Protein backbone atom coordinates (compact mmCIF):
# COMPACT_ATOMS: atom_id res chain seq x y z
CA MET A 1 79.17 83.12 54.58
CA GLN A 2 80.83 79.81 55.33
CA GLN A 3 83.64 79.80 57.89
CA LEU A 4 86.97 78.22 56.95
CA GLU A 5 88.06 75.08 58.72
CA THR A 6 91.34 74.92 60.62
CA TRP A 7 93.12 72.82 57.99
CA GLN A 8 92.13 75.31 55.29
CA VAL A 9 93.55 78.22 57.29
CA VAL A 10 96.77 76.29 57.92
CA LEU A 11 97.03 75.43 54.23
CA ILE A 12 96.59 79.08 53.23
CA ILE A 13 99.24 80.21 55.74
CA ILE A 14 101.69 77.56 54.53
CA GLY A 15 101.05 78.58 50.92
CA VAL A 16 101.65 82.27 51.61
CA LEU A 17 104.81 81.54 53.60
CA GLY A 18 106.03 79.29 50.78
CA ILE A 19 105.55 82.04 48.23
CA ILE A 20 107.35 84.58 50.43
CA TRP A 21 110.23 82.16 51.08
CA SER A 22 110.60 81.33 47.39
CA ASN A 23 110.70 85.03 46.44
CA ILE A 24 113.39 85.71 49.04
CA ALA A 25 115.40 82.71 47.82
CA LEU A 26 115.08 83.96 44.23
CA LEU A 27 116.29 87.43 45.20
CA LYS A 28 119.30 85.98 47.02
CA TYR A 29 120.10 83.79 44.01
CA ALA A 30 119.71 86.69 41.59
CA THR A 31 122.20 88.86 43.48
CA LYS A 32 124.95 86.37 42.64
CA PHE A 33 124.73 87.31 38.96
CA GLU A 34 126.73 90.25 37.72
CA VAL A 35 124.11 91.59 35.38
CA LYS A 36 125.61 95.07 35.08
CA LYS A 37 128.83 93.74 33.54
CA LYS A 38 126.88 91.63 31.06
CA VAL A 39 124.68 94.56 30.08
CA ASP A 40 127.73 96.79 29.66
CA LYS A 41 129.35 94.17 27.40
CA GLN A 42 126.20 93.96 25.28
CA ILE A 43 125.99 97.72 24.98
CA GLN A 44 129.65 97.92 23.97
CA SER A 45 129.25 95.18 21.36
CA ASP A 46 126.13 96.91 19.98
CA ASP A 47 128.04 100.19 19.76
CA GLU A 48 130.90 98.43 17.94
CA LYS A 49 128.45 96.93 15.45
CA LYS A 50 126.95 100.37 14.77
CA ASP A 51 130.42 101.86 14.31
CA ALA A 52 131.33 99.09 11.88
CA ASN A 53 128.33 99.86 9.66
């Protein structure tokens, strides 16, 4: 089995850290949205449409 060179190991580490960082940034960004209120509004509007029929 061929051994990885130093630059390959560094590149893999940077790639993994980049993926982890981007996932954390996405989670922080996603918490700013108030999804529950939007879902509740959609559910209420769907219920109103069913009641109207």
